[in-house]
Amino acid sequence: MSGGPIRVLFVSTSNATRSILAEAILRHAGGSAYEAHSAGIEPSGGIADLTLRMLEDAGIERAGLRSKSVEEYRDQPFDYVVTVCDDARGRLPGLPGCGPVAPLGLSGSGGLDVQR
């Protein structure tokens, strides 16, 4: 969308596990070429303990990660919007100025506990 980094928004239902992992991994692996964000349709307000442990075990930075609403990004342009669960894909509100929506089609959260 611009000459800067590729902006990617990962969206899930609760923004507690998969979308948080995707954001952190892309920030880590993509470096300055990407600007990764994540959000939830109905944010849980916390991040699953297992998610935080997985990131720590992998040596991936966790600072700044938090569960947030897709509404925080409503007026921001993204090159890509990636839904990481079927529920989020079906309920994703329109996001003006965003590039294509790419569904991953994962289902269920595995009942992970959330750290608030």
PDB file of N, CA and C in Angstrom:
ATOM      1  N   MET A   1       0.807  -1.191   0.000  1.00  0.00           N
ATOM      2  CA  MET A   1       0.000   0.000   0.000  1.00  0.00           C
ATOM      3  C   MET A   1       0.854   1.261   0.000  1.00  0.00           C
ATOM      4  N   SER A   2       2.055   1.141   0.533  1.00  0.00           N
ATOM      5  CA  SER A   2       2.953   2.280   0.548  1.00  0.00           C
ATOM      6  C   SER A   2       4.369   1.772   0.314  1.00  0.00           C
ATOM      7  N   GLY A   3       5.341   2.671   0.371  1.00  0.00           N
ATOM      8  CA  GLY A   3       6.719   2.280   0.192  1.00  0.00           C
ATOM      9  C   GLY A   3       7.347   1.713   1.448  1.00  0.00           C
ATOM     10  N   GLY A   4       6.607   1.720   2.549  1.00  0.00           N
ATOM     11  CA  GLY A   4       7.122   1.234   3.819  1.00  0.00           C
ATOM     12  C   GLY A   4       6.967  -0.265   3.967  1.00  0.00           C
ATOM     13  N   PRO A   5       7.000  -0.738   5.205  1.00  0.00           N
ATOM     14  CA  PRO A   5       6.860  -2.175   5.441  1.00  0.00           C
ATOM     15  C   PRO A   5       5.479  -2.678   5.033  1.00  0.00           C
ATOM     16  N   ILE A   6       5.404  -3.965   4.745  1.00  0.00           N
ATOM     17  CA  ILE A   6       4.126  -4.605   4.423  1.00  0.00           C
ATOM     18  C   ILE A   6       3.330  -4.735   5.714  1.00  0.00           C
ATOM     19  N   ARG A   7       2.141  -4.147   5.716  1.00  0.00           N
ATOM     20  CA  ARG A   7       1.289  -4.163   6.917  1.00  0.00           C
ATOM     21  C   ARG A   7       0.331  -5.347   6.868  1.00  0.00           C
ATOM     22  N   VAL A   8       0.374  -6.166   7.926  1.00  0.00           N
ATOM     23  CA  VAL A   8      -0.450  -7.372   8.001  1.00  0.00           C
ATOM     24  C   VAL A   8      -1.230  -7.358   9.306  1.00  0.00           C
ATOM     25  N   LEU A   9      -2.530  -7.637   9.204  1.00  0.00           N
ATOM     26  CA  LEU A   9      -3.392  -7.754  10.388  1.00  0.00           C
ATOM     27  C   LEU A   9      -3.890  -9.188  10.464  1.00  0.00           C
ATOM     28  N   PHE A  10      -3.584  -9.877  11.570  1.00  0.00           N
ATOM     29  CA  PHE A  10      -4.080 -11.227  11.827  1.00  0.00           C
ATOM     30  C   PHE A  10      -5.303 -11.115  12.724  1.00  0.00           C
ATOM     31  N   VAL A  11      -6.414 -11.750  12.326  1.00  0.00           N
ATOM     32  CA  VAL A  11      -7.667 -11.627  13.069  1.00  0.00           C
ATOM     33  C   VAL A  11      -8.163 -13.008  13.495  1.00  0.00           C
ATOM     34  N   SER A  12      -8.545 -13.099  14.762  1.00  0.00           N
ATOM     35  CA  SER A  12      -9.178 -14.310  15.299  1.00  0.00           C
ATOM     36  C   SER A  12     -10.406 -13.879  16.084  1.00  0.00           C
ATOM     37  N   THR A  13     -11.060 -14.816  16.694  1.00  0.00           N
ATOM     38  CA  THR A  13     -12.234 -14.460  17.479  1.00  0.00           C
ATOM     39  C   THR A  13     -11.837 -13.728  18.753  1.00  0.00           C
ATOM     40  N   SER A  14     -10.943 -14.323  19.560  1.00  0.00           N
ATOM     41  CA  SER A  14     -10.636 -13.758  20.879  1.00  0.00           C
ATOM     42  C   SER A  14      -9.309 -13.014  20.958  1.00  0.00           C
ATOM     43  N   ASN A  15      -8.449 -13.149  19.964  1.00  0.00           N
ATOM     44  CA  ASN A  15      -7.121 -12.532  19.980  1.00  0.00           C
ATOM     45  C   ASN A  15      -6.365 -12.905  21.261  1.00  0.00           C
ATOM     46  N   ALA A  16      -6.367 -14.215  21.549  1.00  0.00           N
ATOM     47  CA  ALA A  16      -5.678 -14.712  22.736  1.00  0.00           C
ATOM     48  C   ALA A  16      -4.613 -15.751  22.402  1.00  0.00           C
ATOM     49  N   THR A  17      -4.686 -16.363  21.217  1.00  0.00           N
ATOM     50  CA  THR A  17      -3.766 -17.445  20.904  1.00  0.00           C
ATOM     51  C   THR A  17      -3.204 -17.309  19.491  1.00  0.00           C
ATOM     52  N   ARG A  18      -3.927 -17.810  18.496  1.00  0.00           N
ATOM     53  CA  ARG A  18      -3.394 -17.904  17.123  1.00  0.00           C
ATOM     54  C   ARG A  18      -2.997 -16.573  16.524  1.00  0.00           C
ATOM     55  N   SER A  19      -3.846 -15.580  16.624  1.00  0.00           N
ATOM     56  CA  SER A  19      -3.509 -14.293  16.009  1.00  0.00           C
ATOM     57  C   SER A  19      -2.338 -13.629  16.732  1.00  0.00           C
ATOM     58  N   ILE A  20      -2.252 -13.815  18.043  1.00  0.00           N
ATOM     59  CA  ILE A  20      -1.115 -13.295  18.812  1.00  0.00           C
ATOM     60  C   ILE A  20       0.175 -13.987  18.361  1.00  0.00           C
ATOM     61  N   LEU A  21       0.116 -15.331  18.226  1.00  0.00           N
ATOM     62  CA  LEU A  21       1.287 -16.079  17.756  1.00  0.00           C
ATOM     63  C   LEU A  21       1.722 -15.591  16.376  1.00  0.00           C
ATOM     64  N   ALA A  22       0.762 -15.430  15.480  1.00  0.00           N
ATOM     65  CA  ALA A  22       1.083 -14.995  14.113  1.00  0.00           C
ATOM     66  C   ALA A  22       1.736 -13.620  14.122  1.00  0.00           C
ATOM     67  N   GLU A  23       1.188 -12.707  14.904  1.00  0.00           N
ATOM     68  CA  GLU A  23       1.768 -11.362  15.001  1.00  0.00           C
ATOM     69  C   GLU A  23       3.211 -11.432  15.489  1.00  0.00           C
ATOM     70  N   ALA A  24       3.432 -12.152  16.579  1.00  0.00           N
ATOM     71  CA  ALA A  24       4.776 -12.227  17.169  1.00  0.00           C
ATOM     72  C   ALA A  24       5.765 -12.911  16.230  1.00  0.00           C
ATOM     73  N   ILE A  25       5.340 -13.993  15.588  1.00  0.00           N
ATOM     74  CA  ILE A  25       6.238 -14.724  14.690  1.00  0.00           C
ATOM     75  C   ILE A  25       6.601 -13.880  13.474  1.00  0.00           C
ATOM     76  N   LEU A  26       5.615 -13.172  12.897  1.00  0.00           N
ATOM     77  CA  LEU A  26       5.933 -12.335  11.733  1.00  0.00           C
ATOM     78  C   LEU A  26       6.841 -11.177  12.124  1.00  0.00           C
ATOM     79  N   ARG A  27       6.609 -10.584  13.280  1.00  0.00           N
ATOM     80  CA  ARG A  27       7.511  -9.518  13.743  1.00  0.00           C
ATOM     81  C   ARG A  27       8.935 -10.053  13.874  1.00  0.00           C
ATOM     82  N   HIS A  28       9.049 -11.239  14.436  1.00  0.00           N
ATOM     83  CA  HIS A  28      10.355 -11.853  14.675  1.00  0.00           C
ATOM     84  C   HIS A  28      11.035 -12.242  13.353  1.00  0.00           C
ATOM     85  N   ALA A  29      10.326 -12.955  12.515  1.00  0.00           N
ATOM     86  CA  ALA A  29      10.912 -13.490  11.281  1.00  0.00           C
ATOM     87  C   ALA A  29      10.977 -12.462  10.152  1.00  0.00           C
ATOM     88  N   GLY A  30      10.012 -11.551  10.127  1.00  0.00           N
ATOM     89  CA  GLY A  30       9.930 -10.599   9.020  1.00  0.00           C
ATOM     90  C   GLY A  30      10.757  -9.356   9.189  1.00  0.00           C
ATOM     91  N   GLY A  31      11.145  -9.079  10.421  1.00  0.00           N
ATOM     92  CA  GLY A  31      11.962  -7.901  10.686  1.00  0.00           C
ATOM     93  C   GLY A  31      11.305  -6.619  10.214  1.00  0.00           C
ATOM     94  N   SER A  32      12.115  -5.720   9.707  1.00  0.00           N
ATOM     95  CA  SER A  32      11.614  -4.403   9.303  1.00  0.00           C
ATOM     96  C   SER A  32      10.828  -4.427   8.000  1.00  0.00           C
ATOM     97  N   ALA A  33      10.794  -5.569   7.322  1.00  0.00           N
ATOM     98  CA  ALA A  33      10.037  -5.659   6.065  1.00  0.00           C
ATOM     99  C   ALA A  33       8.535  -5.739   6.314  1.00  0.00           C
ATOM    100  N   TYR A  34       8.146  -6.075   7.551  1.00  0.00           N
ATOM    101  CA  TYR A  34       6.730  -6.237   7.886  1.00  0.00           C
ATOM    102  C   TYR A  34       6.367  -5.446   9.130  1.00  0.00           C
ATOM    103  N   GLU A  35       5.117  -5.016   9.161  1.00  0.00           N
ATOM    104  CA  GLU A  35       4.528  -4.422  10.349  1.00  0.00           C
ATOM    105  C   GLU A  35       3.322  -5.291  10.697  1.00  0.00           C
ATOM    106  N   ALA A  36       3.480  -6.129  11.711  1.00  0.00           N
ATOM    107  CA  ALA A  36       2.449  -7.102  12.059  1.00  0.00           C
ATOM    108  C   ALA A  36       1.607  -6.626  13.229  1.00  0.00           C
ATOM    109  N   HIS A  37       0.301  -6.900  13.121  1.00  0.00           N
ATOM    110  CA  HIS A  37      -0.658  -6.580  14.170  1.00  0.00           C
ATOM    111  C   HIS A  37      -1.628  -7.746  14.291  1.00  0.00           C
ATOM    112  N   SER A  38      -2.331  -7.801  15.422  1.00  0.00           N
ATOM    113  CA  SER A  38      -3.380  -8.804  15.576  1.00  0.00           C
ATOM    114  C   SER A  38      -4.540  -8.194  16.333  1.00  0.00           C
ATOM    115  N   ALA A  39      -5.719  -8.798  16.131  1.00  0.00           N
ATOM    116  CA  ALA A  39      -6.917  -8.296  16.788  1.00  0.00           C
ATOM    117  C   ALA A  39      -7.962  -9.392  16.830  1.00  0.00           C
ATOM    118  N   GLY A  40      -8.982  -9.173  17.657  1.00  0.00           N
ATOM    119  CA  GLY A  40     -10.064 -10.137  17.779  1.00  0.00           C
ATOM    120  C   GLY A  40     -11.416  -9.523  17.511  1.00  0.00           C
ATOM    121  N   ILE A  41     -12.325 -10.354  17.040  1.00  0.00           N
ATOM    122  CA  ILE A  41     -13.710  -9.924  16.849  1.00  0.00           C
ATOM    123  C   ILE A  41     -14.338  -9.649  18.212  1.00  0.00           C
ATOM    124  N   GLU A  42     -14.075 -10.542  19.173  1.00  0.00           N
ATOM    125  CA  GLU A  42     -14.508 -10.391  20.567  1.00  0.00           C
ATOM    126  C   GLU A  42     -13.283 -10.638  21.442  1.00  0.00           C
ATOM    127  N   PRO A  43     -12.405  -9.645  21.603  1.00  0.00           N
ATOM    128  CA  PRO A  43     -11.153  -9.865  22.315  1.00  0.00           C
ATOM    129  C   PRO A  43     -11.372 -10.348  23.752  1.00  0.00           C
ATOM    130  N   SER A  44     -10.510 -11.280  24.164  1.00  0.00           N
ATOM    131  CA  SER A  44     -10.632 -11.885  25.493  1.00  0.00           C
ATOM    132  C   SER A  44     -10.113 -10.969  26.591  1.00  0.00           C
ATOM    133  N   GLY A  45      -9.284 -10.020  26.230  1.00  0.00           N
ATOM    134  CA  GLY A  45      -8.686  -9.154  27.236  1.00  0.00           C
ATOM    135  C   GLY A  45      -7.397  -9.721  27.800  1.00  0.00           C
ATOM    136  N   GLY A  46      -6.995 -10.895  27.322  1.00  0.00           N
ATOM    137  CA  GLY A  46      -5.765 -11.510  27.809  1.00  0.00           C
ATOM    138  C   GLY A  46      -5.183 -12.444  26.766  1.00  0.00           C
ATOM    139  N   ILE A  47      -4.020 -12.986  27.094  1.00  0.00           N
ATOM    140  CA  ILE A  47      -3.315 -13.909  26.197  1.00  0.00           C
ATOM    141  C   ILE A  47      -3.197 -15.255  26.899  1.00  0.00           C
ATOM    142  N   ALA A  48      -3.433 -16.331  26.170  1.00  0.00           N
ATOM    143  CA  ALA A  48      -3.354 -17.675  26.736  1.00  0.00           C
ATOM    144  C   ALA A  48      -1.950 -17.936  27.290  1.00  0.00           C
ATOM    145  N   ASP A  49      -1.892 -18.541  28.485  1.00  0.00           N
ATOM    146  CA  ASP A  49      -0.614 -18.856  29.116  1.00  0.00           C
ATOM    147  C   ASP A  49       0.281 -19.685  28.205  1.00  0.00           C
ATOM    148  N   LEU A  50      -0.295 -20.676  27.534  1.00  0.00           N
ATOM    149  CA  LEU A  50       0.495 -21.528  26.648  1.00  0.00           C
ATOM    150  C   LEU A  50       1.103 -20.726  25.503  1.00  0.00           C
ATOM    151  N   THR A  51       0.377 -19.750  25.004  1.00  0.00           N
ATOM    152  CA  THR A  51       0.893 -18.884  23.941  1.00  0.00           C
ATOM    153  C   THR A  51       2.137 -18.148  24.416  1.00  0.00           C
ATOM    154  N   LEU A  52       2.068 -17.590  25.608  1.00  0.00           N
ATOM    155  CA  LEU A  52       3.213 -16.861  26.154  1.00  0.00           C
ATOM    156  C   LEU A  52       4.400 -17.792  26.387  1.00  0.00           C
ATOM    157  N   ARG A  53       4.141 -18.992  26.877  1.00  0.00           N
ATOM    158  CA  ARG A  53       5.223 -19.968  27.093  1.00  0.00           C
ATOM    159  C   ARG A  53       5.863 -20.392  25.774  1.00  0.00           C
ATOM    160  N   MET A  54       5.022 -20.610  24.761  1.00  0.00           N
ATOM    161  CA  MET A  54       5.551 -21.009  23.459  1.00  0.00           C
ATOM    162  C   MET A  54       6.467 -19.929  22.891  1.00  0.00           C
ATOM    163  N   LEU A  55       6.062 -18.692  22.988  1.00  0.00           N
ATOM    164  CA  LEU A  55       6.880 -17.596  22.474  1.00  0.00           C
ATOM    165  C   LEU A  55       8.184 -17.490  23.260  1.00  0.00           C
ATOM    166  N   GLU A  56       8.097 -17.631  24.574  1.00  0.00           N
ATOM    167  CA  GLU A  56       9.299 -17.580  25.404  1.00  0.00           C
ATOM    168  C   GLU A  56      10.252 -18.724  25.044  1.00  0.00           C
ATOM    169  N   ASP A  57       9.712 -19.929  24.922  1.00  0.00           N
ATOM    170  CA  ASP A  57      10.541 -21.091  24.574  1.00  0.00           C
ATOM    171  C   ASP A  57      11.207 -20.928  23.214  1.00  0.00           C
ATOM    172  N   ALA A  58      10.539 -20.253  22.296  1.00  0.00           N
ATOM    173  CA  ALA A  58      11.085 -20.047  20.947  1.00  0.00           C
ATOM    174  C   ALA A  58      12.024 -18.850  20.876  1.00  0.00           C
ATOM    175  N   GLY A  59      12.128 -18.098  21.981  1.00  0.00           N
ATOM    176  CA  GLY A  59      12.996 -16.925  21.987  1.00  0.00           C
ATOM    177  C   GLY A  59      12.424 -15.757  21.207  1.00  0.00           C
ATOM    178  N   ILE A  60      11.090 -15.697  21.131  1.00  0.00           N
ATOM    179  CA  ILE A  60      10.422 -14.628  20.390  1.00  0.00           C
ATOM    180  C   ILE A  60       9.907 -13.584  21.375  1.00  0.00           C
ATOM    181  N   GLU A  61      10.195 -12.338  21.087  1.00  0.00           N
ATOM    182  CA  GLU A  61       9.819 -11.210  21.942  1.00  0.00           C
ATOM    183  C   GLU A  61       8.316 -11.169  22.196  1.00  0.00           C
ATOM    184  N   ARG A  62       7.940 -10.961  23.460  1.00  0.00           N
ATOM    185  CA  ARG A  62       6.525 -10.884  23.838  1.00  0.00           C
ATOM    186  C   ARG A  62       6.103  -9.474  24.225  1.00  0.00           C
ATOM    187  N   ALA A  63       7.051  -8.580  24.360  1.00  0.00           N
ATOM    188  CA  ALA A  63       6.756  -7.213  24.789  1.00  0.00           C
ATOM    189  C   ALA A  63       5.776  -6.547  23.825  1.00  0.00           C
ATOM    190  N   GLY A  64       4.804  -5.861  24.376  1.00  0.00           N
ATOM    191  CA  GLY A  64       3.840  -5.119  23.569  1.00  0.00           C
ATOM    192  C   GLY A  64       2.664  -5.927  23.073  1.00  0.00           C
ATOM    193  N   LEU A  65       2.685  -7.236  23.261  1.00  0.00           N
ATOM    194  CA  LEU A  65       1.547  -8.052  22.818  1.00  0.00           C
ATOM    195  C   LEU A  65       0.399  -7.893  23.802  1.00  0.00           C
ATOM    196  N   ARG A  66      -0.798  -7.728  23.258  1.00  0.00           N
ATOM    197  CA  ARG A  66      -2.000  -7.648  24.095  1.00  0.00           C
ATOM    198  C   ARG A  66      -3.204  -7.998  23.249  1.00  0.00           C
ATOM    199  N   SER A  67      -4.249  -8.468  23.914  1.00  0.00           N
ATOM    200  CA  SER A  67      -5.499  -8.789  23.234  1.00  0.00           C
ATOM    201  C   SER A  67      -6.242  -7.487  22.955  1.00  0.00           C
ATOM    202  N   LYS A  68      -6.607  -7.275  21.691  1.00  0.00           N
ATOM    203  CA  LYS A  68      -7.281  -6.027  21.326  1.00  0.00           C
ATOM    204  C   LYS A  68      -8.357  -6.270  20.275  1.00  0.00           C
ATOM    205  N   SER A  69      -9.217  -5.297  20.131  1.00  0.00           N
ATOM    206  CA  SER A  69     -10.355  -5.406  19.215  1.00  0.00           C
ATOM    207  C   SER A  69      -9.975  -4.988  17.801  1.00  0.00           C
ATOM    208  N   VAL A  70     -10.613  -5.636  16.839  1.00  0.00           N
ATOM    209  CA  VAL A  70     -10.435  -5.262  15.437  1.00  0.00           C
ATOM    210  C   VAL A  70     -10.882  -3.815  15.218  1.00  0.00           C
ATOM    211  N   GLU A  71     -11.740  -3.314  16.081  1.00  0.00           N
ATOM    212  CA  GLU A  71     -12.210  -1.926  15.951  1.00  0.00           C
ATOM    213  C   GLU A  71     -11.071  -0.917  16.098  1.00  0.00           C
ATOM    214  N   GLU A  72     -10.004  -1.283  16.800  1.00  0.00           N
ATOM    215  CA  GLU A  72      -8.846  -0.386  16.940  1.00  0.00           C
ATOM    216  C   GLU A  72      -8.182  -0.116  15.589  1.00  0.00           C
ATOM    217  N   TYR A  73      -8.419  -1.004  14.635  1.00  0.00           N
ATOM    218  CA  TYR A  73      -7.757  -0.908  13.338  1.00  0.00           C
ATOM    219  C   TYR A  73      -8.690  -0.507  12.201  1.00  0.00           C
ATOM    220  N   ARG A  74      -9.926  -0.167  12.530  1.00  0.00           N
ATOM    221  CA  ARG A  74     -10.939   0.107  11.512  1.00  0.00           C
ATOM    222  C   ARG A  74     -10.483   1.116  10.458  1.00  0.00           C
ATOM    223  N   ASP A  75      -9.814   2.170  10.835  1.00  0.00           N
ATOM    224  CA  ASP A  75      -9.440   3.221   9.882  1.00  0.00           C
ATOM    225  C   ASP A  75      -7.979   3.153   9.444  1.00  0.00           C
ATOM    226  N   GLN A  76      -7.328   2.017   9.678  1.00  0.00           N
ATOM    227  CA  GLN A  76      -5.938   1.875   9.278  1.00  0.00           C
ATOM    228  C   GLN A  76      -5.828   0.974   8.044  1.00  0.00           C
ATOM    229  N   PRO A  77      -4.995   1.353   7.090  1.00  0.00           N
ATOM    230  CA  PRO A  77      -4.822   0.514   5.905  1.00  0.00           C
ATOM    231  C   PRO A  77      -3.880  -0.661   6.185  1.00  0.00           C
ATOM    232  N   PHE A  78      -4.187  -1.810   5.593  1.00  0.00           N
ATOM    233  CA  PHE A  78      -3.333  -2.997   5.679  1.00  0.00           C
ATOM    234  C   PHE A  78      -3.167  -3.579   4.287  1.00  0.00           C
ATOM    235  N   ASP A  79      -1.986  -4.099   4.029  1.00  0.00           N
ATOM    236  CA  ASP A  79      -1.746  -4.769   2.759  1.00  0.00           C
ATOM    237  C   ASP A  79      -2.461  -6.117   2.731  1.00  0.00           C
ATOM    238  N   TYR A  80      -2.490  -6.781   3.886  1.00  0.00           N
ATOM    239  CA  TYR A  80      -3.154  -8.081   4.006  1.00  0.00           C
ATOM    240  C   TYR A  80      -3.877  -8.179   5.330  1.00  0.00           C
ATOM    241  N   VAL A  81      -5.035  -8.803   5.304  1.00  0.00           N
ATOM    242  CA  VAL A  81      -5.767  -9.167   6.510  1.00  0.00           C
ATOM    243  C   VAL A  81      -5.895 -10.687   6.462  1.00  0.00           C
ATOM    244  N   VAL A  82      -5.408 -11.363   7.509  1.00  0.00           N
ATOM    245  CA  VAL A  82      -5.411 -12.824   7.551  1.00  0.00           C
ATOM    246  C   VAL A  82      -6.295 -13.269   8.707  1.00  0.00           C
ATOM    247  N   THR A  83      -7.371 -13.985   8.387  1.00  0.00           N
ATOM    248  CA  THR A  83      -8.202 -14.547   9.451  1.00  0.00           C
ATOM    249  C   THR A  83      -7.647 -15.925   9.779  1.00  0.00           C
ATOM    250  N   VAL A  84      -7.462 -16.191  11.061  1.00  0.00           N
ATOM    251  CA  VAL A  84      -6.846 -17.451  11.478  1.00  0.00           C
ATOM    252  C   VAL A  84      -7.852 -18.439  12.056  1.00  0.00           C
ATOM    253  N   CYS A  85      -9.132 -18.138  11.913  1.00  0.00           N
ATOM    254  CA  CYS A  85     -10.169 -19.109  12.275  1.00  0.00           C
ATOM    255  C   CYS A  85     -11.425 -18.812  11.461  1.00  0.00           C
ATOM    256  N   ASP A  86     -12.202 -19.845  11.242  1.00  0.00           N
ATOM    257  CA  ASP A  86     -13.411 -19.703  10.425  1.00  0.00           C
ATOM    258  C   ASP A  86     -14.412 -18.729  11.027  1.00  0.00           C
ATOM    259  N   ASP A  87     -14.523 -18.721  12.353  1.00  0.00           N
ATOM    260  CA  ASP A  87     -15.474 -17.823  13.009  1.00  0.00           C
ATOM    261  C   ASP A  87     -15.135 -16.365  12.712  1.00  0.00           C
ATOM    262  N   ALA A  88     -13.868 -16.022  12.813  1.00  0.00           N
ATOM    263  CA  ALA A  88     -13.452 -14.636  12.540  1.00  0.00           C
ATOM    264  C   ALA A  88     -13.701 -14.263  11.086  1.00  0.00           C
ATOM    265  N   ARG A  89     -13.443 -15.197  10.182  1.00  0.00           N
ATOM    266  CA  ARG A  89     -13.668 -14.914   8.757  1.00  0.00           C
ATOM    267  C   ARG A  89     -15.130 -14.584   8.507  1.00  0.00           C
ATOM    268  N   GLY A  90     -16.027 -15.342   9.124  1.00  0.00           N
ATOM    269  CA  GLY A  90     -17.454 -15.133   8.919  1.00  0.00           C
ATOM    270  C   GLY A  90     -18.000 -13.881   9.578  1.00  0.00           C
ATOM    271  N   ARG A  91     -17.283 -13.369  10.579  1.00  0.00           N
ATOM    272  CA  ARG A  91     -17.780 -12.221  11.339  1.00  0.00           C
ATOM    273  C   ARG A  91     -16.942 -10.960  11.178  1.00  0.00           C
ATOM    274  N   LEU A  92     -15.933 -11.005  10.329  1.00  0.00           N
ATOM    275  CA  LEU A  92     -15.040  -9.864  10.153  1.00  0.00           C
ATOM    276  C   LEU A  92     -15.805  -8.672   9.587  1.00  0.00           C
ATOM    277  N   PRO A  93     -15.779  -7.539  10.305  1.00  0.00           N
ATOM    278  CA  PRO A  93     -16.449  -6.350   9.768  1.00  0.00           C
ATOM    279  C   PRO A  93     -15.635  -5.784   8.604  1.00  0.00           C
ATOM    280  N   GLY A  94     -16.268  -5.003   7.780  1.00  0.00           N
ATOM    281  CA  GLY A  94     -15.557  -4.364   6.679  1.00  0.00           C
ATOM    282  C   GLY A  94     -14.467  -3.446   7.201  1.00  0.00           C
ATOM    283  N   LEU A  95     -13.308  -3.507   6.595  1.00  0.00           N
ATOM    284  CA  LEU A  95     -12.195  -2.648   6.987  1.00  0.00           C
ATOM    285  C   LEU A  95     -11.777  -1.833   5.771  1.00  0.00           C
ATOM    286  N   PRO A  96     -12.241  -0.576   5.689  1.00  0.00           N
ATOM    287  CA  PRO A  96     -11.935   0.250   4.522  1.00  0.00           C
ATOM    288  C   PRO A  96     -10.439   0.410   4.316  1.00  0.00           C
ATOM    289  N   GLY A  97     -10.018   0.409   3.072  1.00  0.00           N
ATOM    290  CA  GLY A  97      -8.623   0.645   2.752  1.00  0.00           C
ATOM    291  C   GLY A  97      -7.713  -0.551   2.950  1.00  0.00           C
ATOM    292  N   CYS A  98      -8.274  -1.715   3.201  1.00  0.00           N
ATOM    293  CA  CYS A  98      -7.452  -2.901   3.424  1.00  0.00           C
ATOM    294  C   CYS A  98      -7.347  -3.744   2.168  1.00  0.00           C
ATOM    295  N   GLY A  99      -6.242  -4.447   2.089  1.00  0.00           N
ATOM    296  CA  GLY A  99      -6.011  -5.353   0.973  1.00  0.00           C
ATOM    297  C   GLY A  99      -6.853  -6.607   1.125  1.00  0.00           C
ATOM    298  N   PRO A 100      -6.497  -7.654   0.412  1.00  0.00           N
ATOM    299  CA  PRO A 100      -7.297  -8.877   0.418  1.00  0.00           C
ATOM    300  C   PRO A 100      -7.320  -9.569   1.777  1.00  0.00           C
ATOM    301  N   VAL A 101      -8.432 -10.255   2.034  1.00  0.00           N
ATOM    302  CA  VAL A 101      -8.563 -11.066   3.247  1.00  0.00           C
ATOM    303  C   VAL A 101      -8.186 -12.492   2.875  1.00  0.00           C
ATOM    304  N   ALA A 102      -7.225 -13.051   3.602  1.00  0.00           N
ATOM    305  CA  ALA A 102      -6.752 -14.409   3.345  1.00  0.00           C
ATOM    306  C   ALA A 102      -7.137 -15.300   4.520  1.00  0.00           C
ATOM    307  N   PRO A 103      -8.087 -16.216   4.328  1.00  0.00           N
ATOM    308  CA  PRO A 103      -8.491 -17.094   5.424  1.00  0.00           C
ATOM    309  C   PRO A 103      -7.561 -18.296   5.562  1.00  0.00           C
ATOM    310  N   LEU A 104      -7.196 -18.633   6.813  1.00  0.00           N
ATOM    311  CA  LEU A 104      -6.425 -19.849   7.073  1.00  0.00           C
ATOM    312  C   LEU A 104      -7.344 -21.014   7.415  1.00  0.00           C
ATOM    313  N   GLY A 105      -8.550 -20.736   7.921  1.00  0.00           N
ATOM    314  CA  GLY A 105      -9.554 -21.771   8.147  1.00  0.00           C
ATOM    315  C   GLY A 105      -9.270 -22.730   9.275  1.00  0.00           C
ATOM    316  N   LEU A 106      -8.607 -22.294  10.331  1.00  0.00           N
ATOM    317  CA  LEU A 106      -8.386 -23.144  11.495  1.00  0.00           C
ATOM    318  C   LEU A 106      -9.612 -23.082  12.385  1.00  0.00           C
ATOM    319  N   SER A 107      -9.911 -24.160  13.083  1.00  0.00           N
ATOM    320  CA  SER A 107     -11.097 -24.134  13.940  1.00  0.00           C
ATOM    321  C   SER A 107     -10.724 -24.502  15.366  1.00  0.00           C
ATOM    322  N   GLY A 108     -11.486 -23.974  16.322  1.00  0.00           N
ATOM    323  CA  GLY A 108     -11.306 -24.298  17.730  1.00  0.00           C
ATOM    324  C   GLY A 108     -10.053 -23.710  18.326  1.00  0.00           C
ATOM    325  N   SER A 109     -10.091 -23.460  19.642  1.00  0.00           N
ATOM    326  CA  SER A 109      -8.938 -22.902  20.349  1.00  0.00           C
ATOM    327  C   SER A 109      -8.301 -23.928  21.260  1.00  0.00           C
ATOM    328  N   GLY A 110      -8.891 -25.108  21.369  1.00  0.00           N
ATOM    329  CA  GLY A 110      -8.329 -26.121  22.243  1.00  0.00           C
ATOM    330  C   GLY A 110      -8.592 -25.858  23.709  1.00  0.00           C
ATOM    331  N   GLY A 111      -9.446 -24.889  24.032  1.00  0.00           N
ATOM    332  CA  GLY A 111      -9.788 -24.608  25.411  1.00  0.00           C
ATOM    333  C   GLY A 111      -8.630 -24.094  26.226  1.00  0.00           C
ATOM    334  N   LEU A 112      -7.761 -23.302  25.637  1.00  0.00           N
ATOM    335  CA  LEU A 112      -6.610 -22.798  26.341  1.00  0.00           C
ATOM    336  C   LEU A 112      -7.002 -21.759  27.377  1.00  0.00           C
ATOM    337  N   ASP A 113      -6.334 -21.778  28.521  1.00  0.00           N
ATOM    338  CA  ASP A 113      -6.588 -20.780  29.560  1.00  0.00           C
ATOM    339  C   ASP A 113      -5.995 -19.458  29.130  1.00  0.00           C
ATOM    340  N   VAL A 114      -6.683 -18.384  29.471  1.00  0.00           N
ATOM    341  CA  VAL A 114      -6.257 -17.044  29.071  1.00  0.00           C
ATOM    342  C   VAL A 114      -5.734 -16.280  30.267  1.00  0.00           C
ATOM    343  N   GLN A 115      -4.582 -15.623  30.087  1.00  0.00           N
ATOM    344  CA  GLN A 115      -3.999 -14.774  31.121  1.00  0.00           C
ATOM    345  C   GLN A 115      -4.472 -13.347  30.873  1.00  0.00           C
ATOM    346  N   ARG A 116      -5.145 -12.758  31.822  1.00  0.00           N
ATOM    347  CA  ARG A 116      -5.661 -11.390  31.663  1.00  0.00           C
ATOM    348  C   ARG A 116      -4.748 -10.388  32.314  1.00  0.00           C
TER     349      ARG A 116
END
